[in-house]
């Protein structure tokens, strides 16, 4: 537990030396080891301290261990500029950065009272969320400890020469020290080495406590104590990101897309929904898809995508504008479709989606009677107190129905919060990415799936993941596995709690190159295991009569 509230200590001399200024301190009851572990994590994730920061790239790291010896790490990124604005040619908004080739460890003065020794030196590159507005810089991070390990100091020194070169997201000082000593954590600011340090100390001491530099110091203190307490209590991160696509590749692509599209899309938004949520979410999904396709060697022009239940068409717009070929399909057109250029509008299709397997004859019948092309069923649509009937044959040939039978073989399916289609995505026999949203059965009705059953020593028990959403994600994955897909999963970095993505580009070896009738029989078996799909066609037909959903 935290022992007290932060205390302003600007009037006290800093224990770190005469060129340092004490700012805040707080009593704590976690150990220096807890503090060090938490701060090492924050060094790797500075976005914890500031929403302006996107990430950091560790360029080099030197570790000095009296017992284990010394080790050094040097990143391949050390001599390169972040690959963010590839292909923009955007001279009006150039990428902002300062001295990125300067990776020398920064030095500073320190009082000998604590007898601290450097145990770790890190040079990191801070990437802001908008590097066309805020500067990318390198920064030295030092971990210093006393010989008895009872005192730990973290020091941050940006690689700039003057205060004027500091980016907005850092306090206007040469360095920041965060000290754990004598059951207290304290924040200290370091004056610039070539400045009149006495005058600069007076300037820092006179800062308004409501001003940004003082608020930054307070936030650094609160974050350090909060995360150190979490380490002491055994907190473990519940969600692991970046298992399929590296954070660097994804975020670089996202920054590029955001700088290229976000402003115009937010300004011209014509739906009733929140433009910022939808724009930034779909930009992030587009960034992930593009990097995923790049990883899997899906070259532009070599395949097409289909966004199943595309809603406002935003994702389709971004992908087409980035050079990819594809279409978005939804039961009802949206107002936003009209704001896109012609090459996008012509690829947004107002159709209902009915999997062809629900309209075609059983594979065994089709094999012995190939002239039979449909299953002979009739389906009813209720609209305005009137009942209309459609045959399987008429739906197979209707321009208002998408059966997926017409898709090219080199199609990649996207299920971006596709509601009723979620559990269908792994059954449509194309590579896919699906982001489960609302929980529905294959018949289209809402259904809460129970937790996945897993074997244990005493038999079978429910999975610890028992939330409705977690159970849905598990269920979609299980359907995909039953249909032979090699599954990958990722928790996407999008502004939504529905952020799990399940994807696959290939079947496992024993399912590859099998006859199509065998594949169809297996899909029919899975549909039967799921309780059937009775009602899907009728529900799809009825989607055409109402207003579209707001997504």
Protein backbone atom coordinates (compact mmCIF):
# COMPACT_ATOMS: atom_id res chain seq x y z
CA UNK A 1 0.00 0.00 0.00
CA UNK A 2 1.10 3.59 -0.51
CA UNK A 3 1.97 5.28 2.75
CA UNK A 4 1.04 8.86 1.96
CA UNK A 5 0.31 11.68 -0.43
CA UNK A 6 3.02 13.38 -2.53
CA UNK A 7 4.85 16.16 -0.73
CA UNK A 8 6.30 19.22 -2.46
CA UNK A 9 9.99 19.52 -1.43
CA UNK A 10 11.28 22.33 -3.66
CA UNK A 11 12.62 24.25 -0.67
CA UNK A 12 14.91 21.38 0.36
CA UNK A 13 18.41 20.76 -1.01
CA UNK A 14 18.54 17.75 -3.27
CA UNK A 15 20.43 14.74 -1.93
CA UNK A 16 21.69 14.20 -5.49
CA UNK A 17 23.86 17.32 -5.55
CA UNK A 18 23.93 21.08 -5.86
CA UNK A 19 22.89 21.19 -9.53
CA UNK A 20 19.78 19.14 -8.81
CA UNK A 21 16.39 20.49 -7.69
CA UNK A 22 14.11 18.40 -5.46
CA UNK A 23 10.48 18.53 -6.61
CA UNK A 24 8.22 15.90 -4.99
CA UNK A 25 8.56 12.91 -2.69
CA UNK A 26 6.30 10.21 -1.32
CA UNK A 27 6.61 7.60 1.45
CA UNK A 28 6.34 4.02 0.16
CA UNK A 29 6.56 0.50 1.51
CA UNK A 30 7.88 -1.43 -1.48
CA UNK A 31 11.53 -2.45 -1.77
CA UNK A 32 14.25 -1.07 -4.05
CA UNK A 33 14.03 -4.34 -5.99
CA UNK A 34 10.32 -3.77 -6.68
CA UNK A 35 11.11 -0.20 -7.70
CA UNK A 36 13.91 -1.25 -10.05
CA UNK A 37 11.80 -3.89 -11.78
CA UNK A 38 8.94 -1.44 -12.33
CA UNK A 39 11.25 1.28 -13.63
CA UNK A 40 12.98 -1.08 -16.08
CA UNK A 41 9.57 -1.79 -17.53
CA UNK A 42 8.77 1.93 -17.77
CA UNK A 43 12.11 2.55 -19.51
CA UNK A 44 10.95 0.11 -22.19
CA UNK A 45 7.43 1.56 -22.26
CA UNK A 46 7.58 5.36 -21.77
CA UNK A 47 4.02 5.61 -23.08
CA UNK A 48 3.04 4.58 -19.52
CA UNK A 49 4.15 8.05 -18.42
CA UNK A 50 2.82 10.11 -21.31
CA UNK A 51 -0.09 9.69 -23.74
CA UNK A 52 1.91 11.75 -26.26
CA UNK A 53 4.50 8.97 -26.53
CA UNK A 54 3.77 5.95 -28.70
CA UNK A 55 6.73 3.69 -27.90
CA UNK A 56 10.47 3.49 -27.47
CA UNK A 57 13.09 1.59 -29.45
CA UNK A 58 16.01 0.36 -27.35
CA UNK A 59 19.15 1.20 -29.35
CA UNK A 60 21.83 -0.09 -27.00
CA UNK A 61 22.14 -1.35 -23.46
CA UNK A 62 25.14 -1.94 -21.21
CA UNK A 63 24.68 -3.95 -18.03
CA UNK A 64 27.24 -4.09 -15.23
CA UNK A 65 26.77 -6.93 -12.77
CA UNK A 66 29.45 -7.45 -10.10
CA UNK A 67 28.57 -11.15 -9.89
CA UNK A 68 27.56 -12.14 -13.42
CA UNK A 69 29.85 -9.82 -15.38
CA UNK A 70 29.10 -7.23 -18.05
CA UNK A 71 26.91 -7.58 -21.12
CA UNK A 72 26.20 -5.28 -24.07
CA UNK A 73 23.30 -5.14 -26.52
CA UNK A 74 23.26 -3.11 -29.75
CA UNK A 75 20.11 -2.92 -31.89
CA UNK A 76 20.07 -3.02 -35.69
CA UNK A 77 17.98 0.17 -35.46
CA UNK A 78 20.85 2.17 -34.01
CA UNK A 79 22.03 3.71 -37.30
CA UNK A 80 18.66 4.21 -38.96
CA UNK A 81 15.81 6.69 -38.98
CA UNK A 82 12.44 5.12 -38.03
CA UNK A 83 10.75 3.74 -41.15
CA UNK A 84 7.49 5.62 -40.67
CA UNK A 85 6.78 7.87 -43.65
CA UNK A 86 7.64 5.33 -46.35
CA UNK A 87 6.10 6.33 -49.64
CA UNK A 88 4.55 9.57 -48.43
CA UNK A 89 6.85 11.98 -50.17
CA UNK A 90 5.27 14.37 -47.73
CA UNK A 91 7.52 17.44 -47.78
CA UNK A 92 4.84 19.65 -46.25
CA UNK A 93 4.87 17.57 -43.07
CA UNK A 94 8.36 16.08 -42.72
CA UNK A 95 9.24 13.60 -40.02
CA UNK A 96 10.62 15.54 -37.03
CA UNK A 97 13.71 14.23 -35.26
CA UNK A 98 16.88 15.48 -33.57
CA UNK A 99 20.38 13.98 -33.77
CA UNK A 100 19.23 10.36 -34.10
CA UNK A 101 22.77 9.20 -34.83
CA UNK A 102 23.90 10.54 -31.44
CA UNK A 103 23.88 7.42 -29.25
CA UNK A 104 26.63 8.33 -26.80
CA UNK A 105 25.81 7.84 -23.13
CA UNK A 106 25.18 11.20 -21.44
CA UNK A 107 27.12 12.20 -18.33
CA UNK A 108 26.07 14.26 -15.30
CA UNK A 109 27.23 15.30 -11.86
CA UNK A 110 26.09 13.48 -8.73
CA UNK A 111 26.78 13.95 -5.04
CA UNK A 112 28.85 11.18 -3.44
CA UNK A 113 26.63 10.91 -0.36
CA UNK A 114 24.67 7.92 -1.65
CA UNK A 115 27.71 6.26 -3.30
CA UNK A 116 25.65 5.12 -6.28
CA UNK A 117 27.21 3.10 -9.08
CA UNK A 118 25.92 2.64 -12.63
CA UNK A 119 24.48 -0.84 -13.11
CA UNK A 120 22.70 -0.31 -16.42
CA UNK A 121 23.05 2.17 -19.30
CA UNK A 122 20.32 2.37 -21.93
CA UNK A 123 20.01 4.56 -24.99
CA UNK A 124 16.45 4.58 -26.19
CA UNK A 125 14.68 6.35 -29.04
CA UNK A 126 11.35 7.92 -28.08
CA UNK A 127 8.71 7.84 -30.81
CA UNK A 128 5.80 10.26 -30.21
CA UNK A 129 2.31 9.45 -31.45
CA UNK A 130 2.55 12.23 -34.01
CA UNK A 131 6.18 12.53 -35.16
CA UNK A 132 5.10 15.09 -37.77
CA UNK A 133 4.32 17.44 -34.89
CA UNK A 134 6.52 16.28 -31.98
CA UNK A 135 10.22 15.45 -32.30
CA UNK A 136 11.67 11.95 -32.15
CA UNK A 137 14.73 12.03 -29.89
CA UNK A 138 17.27 9.70 -28.33
CA UNK A 139 17.58 9.58 -24.55
CA UNK A 140 20.03 8.11 -22.05
CA UNK A 141 18.48 6.09 -19.21
CA UNK A 142 20.68 5.08 -16.29
CA UNK A 143 20.00 2.68 -13.44
CA UNK A 144 22.24 3.38 -10.46
CA UNK A 145 22.40 1.49 -7.17
CA UNK A 146 24.25 1.69 -3.89
CA UNK A 147 26.59 -1.13 -2.93
CA UNK A 148 24.14 -2.35 -0.28
CA UNK A 149 21.27 -2.22 -2.84
CA UNK A 150 19.20 -0.05 -0.49
CA UNK A 151 19.17 2.99 -2.79
CA UNK A 152 18.22 3.04 -6.48
CA UNK A 153 18.26 6.01 -8.83
CA UNK A 154 16.83 6.20 -12.35
CA UNK A 155 18.12 9.06 -14.50
CA UNK A 156 16.74 10.25 -17.86
CA UNK A 157 18.83 12.60 -20.03
CA UNK A 158 17.59 13.54 -23.52
CA UNK A 159 20.18 13.90 -26.28
CA UNK A 160 19.76 17.63 -26.90
CA UNK A 161 22.11 20.57 -26.44
CA UNK A 162 19.73 23.30 -25.29
CA UNK A 163 16.38 23.65 -23.60
CA UNK A 164 14.91 24.99 -26.85
CA UNK A 165 15.59 21.64 -28.55
CA UNK A 166 13.56 19.66 -26.03
CA UNK A 167 10.32 18.20 -27.37
CA UNK A 168 7.04 19.29 -25.83
CA UNK A 169 6.44 15.98 -24.06
CA UNK A 170 9.57 16.30 -21.84
CA UNK A 171 10.11 18.74 -18.94
CA UNK A 172 12.41 21.72 -19.76
CA UNK A 173 15.45 20.42 -17.85
CA UNK A 174 18.70 18.65 -18.70
CA UNK A 175 17.77 15.52 -16.78
CA UNK A 176 15.23 13.86 -14.49
CA UNK A 177 16.10 11.69 -11.50
CA UNK A 178 13.69 9.29 -9.77
CA UNK A 179 15.17 8.09 -6.48
CA UNK A 180 14.16 5.29 -4.11
CA UNK A 181 15.90 5.98 -0.80
CA UNK A 182 15.00 5.62 2.87
CA UNK A 183 11.47 4.29 2.12
CA UNK A 184 10.69 7.28 -0.07
CA UNK A 185 10.48 7.89 -3.81
CA UNK A 186 11.41 11.39 -4.91
CA UNK A 187 11.60 13.34 -8.18
CA UNK A 188 14.56 15.62 -8.96
CA UNK A 189 15.33 17.89 -11.92
CA UNK A 190 18.90 18.48 -13.18
CA UNK A 191 20.00 21.84 -14.63
CA UNK A 192 21.80 22.13 -17.98
CA UNK A 193 25.59 21.73 -17.58
CA UNK A 194 26.60 24.96 -19.34
CA UNK A 195 23.89 27.08 -17.78
CA UNK A 196 24.00 29.39 -14.79
CA UNK A 197 22.82 26.53 -12.59
CA UNK A 198 22.02 28.73 -9.60
CA UNK A 199 19.79 30.92 -11.73
CA UNK A 200 18.21 27.88 -13.38
CA UNK A 201 17.53 26.30 -9.98
CA UNK A 202 15.75 29.47 -8.94
CA UNK A 203 13.72 29.34 -12.14
CA UNK A 204 12.70 25.73 -11.52
CA UNK A 205 11.89 26.54 -7.90
CA UNK A 206 9.60 29.35 -9.00
CA UNK A 207 7.58 27.21 -11.41
CA UNK A 208 3.83 27.25 -10.94
CA UNK A 209 2.79 23.87 -9.47
CA UNK A 210 -0.12 23.80 -11.94
CA UNK A 211 2.28 24.22 -14.88
CA UNK A 212 3.27 21.36 -17.17
CA UNK A 213 6.82 20.76 -15.73
CA UNK A 214 5.42 20.35 -12.22
CA UNK A 215 2.50 18.25 -13.39
CA UNK A 216 4.99 16.05 -15.25
CA UNK A 217 7.04 15.56 -12.09
CA UNK A 218 3.94 14.59 -10.15
CA UNK A 219 2.87 12.14 -12.85
CA UNK A 220 6.34 10.54 -12.89
CA UNK A 221 6.12 10.07 -9.12
CA UNK A 222 2.62 8.61 -9.22
CA UNK A 223 3.47 6.23 -12.06
CA UNK A 224 6.67 5.02 -10.40
CA UNK A 225 4.93 4.30 -7.09
CA UNK A 226 1.86 2.76 -8.66
CA UNK A 227 3.83 0.33 -10.83
CA UNK A 228 6.28 -0.53 -8.06
CA UNK A 229 3.34 -1.36 -5.81
CA UNK A 230 1.96 -3.55 -8.62
CA UNK A 231 5.25 -5.44 -8.79
CA UNK A 232 5.17 -5.99 -5.03
CA UNK A 233 1.60 -7.31 -5.18
CA UNK A 234 2.55 -9.74 -7.95
CA UNK A 235 0.62 -8.06 -10.74
CA UNK A 236 1.14 -9.79 -14.07
CA UNK A 237 0.13 -8.44 -17.45
CA UNK A 238 -2.99 -10.31 -18.56
CA UNK A 239 -2.78 -9.53 -22.27
CA UNK A 240 0.23 -10.04 -24.49
CA UNK A 241 0.35 -7.98 -27.67
CA UNK A 242 2.58 -8.21 -30.74
CA UNK A 243 2.69 -12.00 -31.00
CA UNK A 244 2.17 -12.04 -34.79
CA UNK A 245 3.32 -8.59 -35.99
CA UNK A 246 6.10 -6.66 -34.28
CA UNK A 247 5.10 -3.52 -32.42
CA UNK A 248 7.65 -1.47 -34.38
CA UNK A 249 6.29 -2.53 -37.79
CA UNK A 250 2.67 -2.07 -36.75
CA UNK A 251 3.16 1.32 -35.11
CA UNK A 252 5.29 2.69 -37.94
CA UNK A 253 2.57 1.74 -40.41
CA UNK A 254 -0.14 3.16 -38.15
CA UNK A 255 1.64 6.51 -37.80
CA UNK A 256 1.96 6.72 -41.57
CA UNK A 257 -1.71 5.91 -42.21
CA UNK A 258 -2.90 8.23 -39.46
CA UNK A 259 -0.87 11.15 -40.81
CA UNK A 260 -2.19 10.49 -44.32
CA UNK A 261 -5.91 9.94 -43.66
CA UNK A 262 -7.13 10.82 -40.16
CA UNK A 263 -7.65 14.56 -40.48
CA UNK A 264 -9.77 14.44 -43.63
CA UNK A 265 -11.77 11.44 -42.45
CA UNK A 266 -12.64 12.96 -39.08
CA UNK A 267 -13.51 16.32 -40.68
CA UNK A 268 -15.77 14.78 -43.33
CA UNK A 269 -17.47 12.16 -41.14
CA UNK A 270 -21.18 11.96 -41.96
CA UNK A 271 -22.36 9.07 -39.77
CA UNK A 272 -24.02 9.53 -36.38
CA UNK A 273 -21.26 7.54 -34.67
CA UNK A 274 -18.09 8.92 -33.04
CA UNK A 275 -15.67 9.65 -35.91
CA UNK A 276 -12.51 9.47 -33.79
CA UNK A 277 -13.27 6.00 -32.49
CA UNK A 278 -14.09 4.57 -35.91
CA UNK A 279 -11.37 6.38 -37.84
CA UNK A 280 -8.51 5.51 -35.50
CA UNK A 281 -9.76 1.97 -34.95
CA UNK A 282 -9.98 1.22 -38.68
CA UNK A 283 -6.63 2.88 -39.34
CA UNK A 284 -5.10 0.55 -36.75
CA UNK A 285 -6.83 -2.50 -38.25
CA UNK A 286 -5.65 -1.47 -41.72
CA UNK A 287 -2.10 -1.08 -40.39
CA UNK A 288 -2.21 -4.56 -38.88
CA UNK A 289 -3.66 -6.11 -42.04
CA UNK A 290 -1.06 -4.50 -44.29
CA UNK A 291 1.81 -5.70 -42.09
CA UNK A 292 0.22 -9.15 -41.78
CA UNK A 293 -0.10 -9.46 -45.55
CA UNK A 294 3.48 -8.26 -45.89
CA UNK A 295 4.64 -10.91 -43.43
CA UNK A 296 2.71 -13.64 -45.24
CA UNK A 297 3.99 -12.55 -48.69
CA UNK A 298 0.58 -11.35 -49.92
CA UNK A 299 1.86 -8.90 -52.51
CA UNK A 300 -0.27 -6.00 -53.76
CA UNK A 301 -2.00 -7.11 -56.95
CA UNK A 302 -1.60 -10.82 -56.20
CA UNK A 303 -4.83 -11.19 -54.20
CA UNK A 304 -8.14 -9.51 -53.38
CA UNK A 305 -9.82 -8.86 -50.07
CA UNK A 306 -13.49 -8.97 -49.13
CA UNK A 307 -14.66 -7.04 -46.07
CA UNK A 308 -17.68 -9.05 -44.92
CA UNK A 309 -20.20 -6.74 -43.28
CA UNK A 310 -18.16 -3.64 -44.10
CA UNK A 311 -20.50 -1.12 -42.43
CA UNK A 312 -19.30 2.41 -43.10
CA UNK A 313 -16.74 1.17 -45.62
CA UNK A 314 -13.87 3.00 -43.97
CA UNK A 315 -11.53 0.01 -43.87
CA UNK A 316 -12.27 -0.70 -47.55
CA UNK A 317 -11.45 2.91 -48.40
CA UNK A 318 -8.09 2.84 -46.60
CA UNK A 319 -7.00 -0.47 -48.15
CA UNK A 320 -8.00 0.50 -51.69
CA UNK A 321 -6.30 3.89 -51.37
CA UNK A 322 -3.16 2.02 -50.27
CA UNK A 323 -3.22 0.05 -53.53
CA UNK A 324 -4.96 -3.17 -52.49
CA UNK A 325 -7.76 -4.66 -54.58
CA UNK A 326 -10.97 -5.66 -52.88
CA UNK A 327 -14.59 -5.03 -52.02
CA UNK A 328 -16.77 -4.34 -49.02
CA UNK A 329 -20.15 -6.01 -48.71
CA UNK A 330 -23.04 -5.07 -46.44
CA UNK A 331 -26.81 -5.58 -46.39
CA UNK A 332 -27.44 -1.82 -46.43
CA UNK A 333 -25.48 1.08 -47.89
CA UNK A 334 -24.26 3.79 -45.52
CA UNK A 335 -24.30 7.56 -45.93
CA UNK A 336 -20.51 7.57 -45.69
CA UNK A 337 -20.17 5.52 -48.88
CA UNK A 338 -20.97 8.62 -50.94
CA UNK A 339 -18.01 10.56 -49.57
CA UNK A 340 -15.42 8.14 -50.97
CA UNK A 341 -13.85 8.45 -54.43
CA UNK A 342 -15.36 6.56 -57.36
CA UNK A 343 -12.83 3.71 -57.27
CA UNK A 344 -13.92 2.99 -53.69
CA UNK A 345 -17.67 3.54 -54.16
CA UNK A 346 -17.79 1.04 -57.02
CA UNK A 347 -16.34 -1.59 -54.67
CA UNK A 348 -18.85 -1.08 -51.86
CA UNK A 349 -21.68 -3.51 -52.56
CA UNK A 350 -25.14 -3.53 -51.03
CA UNK A 351 -25.81 -7.25 -50.75
CA UNK A 352 -26.91 -9.76 -48.18
CA UNK A 353 -24.45 -12.54 -47.42
CA UNK A 354 -25.75 -16.10 -47.64
CA UNK A 355 -23.07 -18.83 -47.59
CA UNK A 356 -23.50 -20.90 -50.74
CA UNK A 357 -23.46 -24.14 -48.78
CA UNK A 358 -26.95 -23.21 -47.43
CA UNK A 359 -28.38 -23.00 -50.96
CA UNK A 360 -26.54 -25.71 -52.87
CA UNK A 361 -27.32 -29.45 -52.95
CA UNK A 362 -25.63 -31.85 -50.56
CA UNK A 363 -22.15 -32.78 -51.87
CA UNK A 364 -23.14 -36.44 -52.20
CA UNK A 365 -26.13 -35.51 -54.41
CA UNK A 366 -24.07 -33.04 -56.43
CA UNK A 367 -21.54 -35.79 -57.12
CA UNK A 368 -24.06 -38.21 -58.63
CA UNK A 369 -26.32 -35.55 -60.20
CA UNK A 370 -24.09 -32.63 -61.23
CA UNK A 371 -26.96 -31.05 -63.17
CA UNK A 372 -28.66 -30.17 -59.86
CA UNK A 373 -27.34 -26.76 -58.82
CA UNK A 374 -29.43 -25.88 -55.73
CA UNK A 375 -31.10 -27.64 -52.80
CA UNK A 376 -34.65 -26.80 -53.90
CA UNK A 377 -35.56 -24.95 -50.71
CA UNK A 378 -37.85 -21.95 -50.44
CA UNK A 379 -37.31 -19.08 -48.00
CA UNK A 380 -39.69 -16.43 -46.71
CA UNK A 381 -39.00 -12.74 -46.17
CA UNK A 382 -41.37 -10.69 -44.06
CA UNK A 383 -41.48 -7.00 -44.98
CA UNK A 384 -44.20 -4.44 -44.20
CA UNK A 385 -46.71 -7.15 -43.21
CA UNK A 386 -46.08 -8.84 -46.53
CA UNK A 387 -44.42 -12.21 -47.06
CA UNK A 388 -42.16 -12.69 -50.08
CA UNK A 389 -40.78 -16.08 -51.07
CA UNK A 390 -37.40 -16.79 -52.62
CA UNK A 391 -36.08 -20.10 -53.91
CA UNK A 392 -32.54 -21.31 -53.39
CA UNK A 393 -32.04 -21.07 -57.15
CA UNK A 394 -33.20 -17.45 -57.33
CA UNK A 395 -30.93 -16.47 -54.45
CA UNK A 396 -27.92 -18.18 -56.04
CA UNK A 397 -28.48 -16.07 -59.16
CA UNK A 398 -29.54 -12.83 -57.47
CA UNK A 399 -27.38 -9.71 -57.89
CA UNK A 400 -28.41 -8.72 -54.34
CA UNK A 401 -27.01 -11.88 -52.73
CA UNK A 402 -23.36 -12.67 -52.02
CA UNK A 403 -22.76 -16.41 -51.61
CA UNK A 404 -18.91 -16.21 -51.59
CA UNK A 405 -19.03 -18.70 -54.48
CA UNK A 406 -18.23 -15.82 -56.83
CA UNK A 407 -15.06 -14.78 -54.98
CA UNK A 408 -11.72 -15.35 -56.76
CA UNK A 409 -9.60 -18.18 -55.36
CA UNK A 410 -6.99 -15.67 -54.20
CA UNK A 411 -9.42 -13.93 -51.83
CA UNK A 412 -8.68 -12.93 -48.23
CA UNK A 413 -11.73 -12.43 -45.99
CA UNK A 414 -11.97 -9.68 -43.36
CA UNK A 415 -14.48 -9.91 -40.54
CA UNK A 416 -14.09 -6.53 -38.82
CA UNK A 417 -16.69 -6.70 -36.02
CA UNK A 418 -18.93 -8.61 -38.42
CA UNK A 419 -21.56 -9.61 -35.83
CA UNK A 420 -23.64 -12.56 -37.14
CA UNK A 421 -20.89 -13.51 -39.61
CA UNK A 422 -18.28 -13.99 -36.91
CA UNK A 423 -18.62 -17.77 -36.49
CA UNK A 424 -19.06 -18.21 -40.24
CA UNK A 425 -15.70 -16.71 -41.16
CA UNK A 426 -13.59 -19.89 -40.67
CA UNK A 427 -16.21 -21.93 -42.62
CA UNK A 428 -16.11 -19.97 -45.89
CA UNK A 429 -12.94 -21.72 -47.13
CA UNK A 430 -10.81 -18.61 -47.69
CA UNK A 431 -7.87 -17.24 -45.68
CA UNK A 432 -9.31 -14.85 -43.14
CA UNK A 433 -8.96 -12.43 -40.27
CA UNK A 434 -11.91 -12.07 -37.92
CA UNK A 435 -12.34 -9.73 -34.95
CA UNK A 436 -15.18 -11.23 -32.90
CA UNK A 437 -17.70 -8.74 -31.62
CA UNK A 438 -21.27 -9.73 -30.75
CA UNK A 439 -21.99 -13.37 -30.01
CA UNK A 440 -24.29 -15.14 -32.50
CA UNK A 441 -24.89 -18.70 -33.62
CA UNK A 442 -24.62 -19.89 -37.24
CA UNK A 443 -28.35 -19.29 -37.57
CA UNK A 444 -27.80 -15.61 -36.76
CA UNK A 445 -29.48 -15.47 -33.36
CA UNK A 446 -27.77 -14.04 -30.29
CA UNK A 447 -26.23 -16.69 -28.08
CA UNK A 448 -23.87 -16.68 -25.12
CA UNK A 449 -21.30 -19.41 -25.62
CA UNK A 450 -20.20 -21.24 -22.47
CA UNK A 451 -16.53 -21.26 -21.45
CA UNK A 452 -14.32 -23.66 -23.38
CA UNK A 453 -13.97 -27.08 -21.75
CA UNK A 454 -10.42 -28.21 -21.13
CA UNK A 455 -9.11 -31.57 -19.87
CA UNK A 456 -7.63 -31.89 -16.38
CA UNK A 457 -6.58 -34.67 -14.02
CA UNK A 458 -10.10 -35.05 -12.67
CA UNK A 459 -11.86 -34.98 -16.03
CA UNK A 460 -13.00 -31.85 -17.87
CA UNK A 461 -13.37 -28.36 -16.46
CA UNK A 462 -14.34 -24.94 -17.76
CA UNK A 463 -11.60 -22.63 -18.99
CA UNK A 464 -10.53 -19.91 -16.51
CA UNK A 465 -11.48 -17.47 -19.28
CA UNK A 466 -15.17 -17.25 -18.51
CA UNK A 467 -16.19 -13.84 -19.87
CA UNK A 468 -18.80 -13.73 -22.62
CA UNK A 469 -16.33 -12.18 -25.02
CA UNK A 470 -13.51 -14.57 -24.12
CA UNK A 471 -15.82 -17.53 -24.62
CA UNK A 472 -16.86 -16.22 -28.04
CA UNK A 473 -13.23 -15.79 -29.11
CA UNK A 474 -12.41 -19.32 -27.94
CA UNK A 475 -15.42 -20.68 -29.79
CA UNK A 476 -14.47 -19.03 -33.08
CA UNK A 477 -10.97 -20.42 -32.70
CA UNK A 478 -12.36 -23.91 -32.03
CA UNK A 479 -14.51 -23.76 -35.19
CA UNK A 480 -11.46 -22.70 -37.21
CA UNK A 481 -9.39 -25.56 -35.79
CA UNK A 482 -12.16 -28.06 -36.57
CA UNK A 483 -12.05 -26.82 -40.15
CA UNK A 484 -8.32 -27.42 -40.39
CA UNK A 485 -6.95 -23.88 -40.22
CA UNK A 486 -3.51 -23.07 -38.83
CA UNK A 487 -4.55 -20.42 -36.32
CA UNK A 488 -2.76 -17.30 -35.14
CA UNK A 489 -4.16 -14.91 -32.52
CA UNK A 490 -3.38 -11.32 -31.67
CA UNK A 491 -4.76 -8.75 -29.26
CA UNK A 492 -4.93 -5.72 -31.51
CA UNK A 493 -3.84 -2.25 -30.43
CA UNK A 494 -7.19 -0.63 -31.22
CA UNK A 495 -9.48 1.63 -29.13
CA UNK A 496 -11.96 -1.17 -28.42
CA UNK A 497 -12.44 -3.80 -25.75
CA UNK A 498 -13.37 -6.17 -28.60
CA UNK A 499 -9.81 -6.40 -29.85
CA UNK A 500 -9.01 -10.11 -30.29
CA UNK A 501 -8.10 -11.13 -33.83
CA UNK A 502 -8.11 -14.70 -35.09
CA UNK A 503 -6.47 -15.28 -38.46
CA UNK A 504 -5.14 -17.92 -40.80
CA UNK A 505 -3.56 -18.08 -44.24
CA UNK A 506 -3.34 -21.86 -44.62
CA UNK A 507 -4.81 -25.20 -43.60
CA UNK A 508 -2.76 -27.76 -41.72
CA UNK A 509 -0.96 -30.27 -43.93
CA UNK A 510 -3.52 -33.08 -43.67
CA UNK A 511 -6.31 -30.72 -44.83
CA UNK A 512 -4.44 -29.27 -47.78
CA UNK A 513 -5.27 -30.25 -51.36
CA UNK A 514 -8.35 -32.25 -50.32
CA UNK A 515 -11.30 -32.58 -52.74
CA UNK A 516 -13.90 -29.82 -52.43
CA UNK A 517 -16.70 -32.28 -51.63
CA UNK A 518 -14.76 -33.51 -48.59
CA UNK A 519 -14.29 -29.92 -47.43
CA UNK A 520 -18.01 -29.25 -47.86
CA UNK A 521 -18.97 -32.39 -45.93
CA UNK A 522 -16.76 -31.31 -43.03
CA UNK A 523 -18.32 -27.83 -43.01
CA UNK A 524 -21.79 -29.40 -42.98
CA UNK A 525 -20.74 -31.58 -40.04
CA UNK A 526 -19.50 -28.52 -38.15
CA UNK A 527 -22.76 -26.68 -38.89
CA UNK A 528 -24.69 -29.66 -37.52
CA UNK A 529 -22.48 -29.76 -34.40
CA UNK A 530 -23.21 -26.06 -33.90
CA UNK A 531 -26.94 -26.71 -33.87
CA UNK A 532 -27.57 -25.99 -37.54
CA UNK A 533 -28.01 -22.78 -39.50
CA UNK A 534 -31.80 -22.85 -39.82
CA UNK A 535 -33.06 -19.30 -40.04
CA UNK A 536 -29.86 -17.74 -41.41
CA UNK A 537 -31.26 -17.17 -44.89
CA UNK A 538 -34.52 -15.70 -43.59
CA UNK A 539 -32.66 -13.48 -41.11
CA UNK A 540 -30.37 -12.28 -43.91
CA UNK A 541 -33.33 -11.49 -46.16
CA UNK A 542 -34.91 -9.48 -43.36
CA UNK A 543 -31.75 -7.39 -42.95
CA UNK A 544 -32.59 -5.70 -46.22
CA UNK A 545 -35.74 -4.04 -44.89
CA UNK A 546 -34.42 -2.15 -41.83
CA UNK A 547 -31.99 0.64 -41.15
CA UNK A 548 -28.31 -0.33 -41.00
CA UNK A 549 -26.54 -0.73 -37.68
CA UNK A 550 -24.25 2.06 -36.48
CA UNK A 551 -20.87 0.55 -37.18
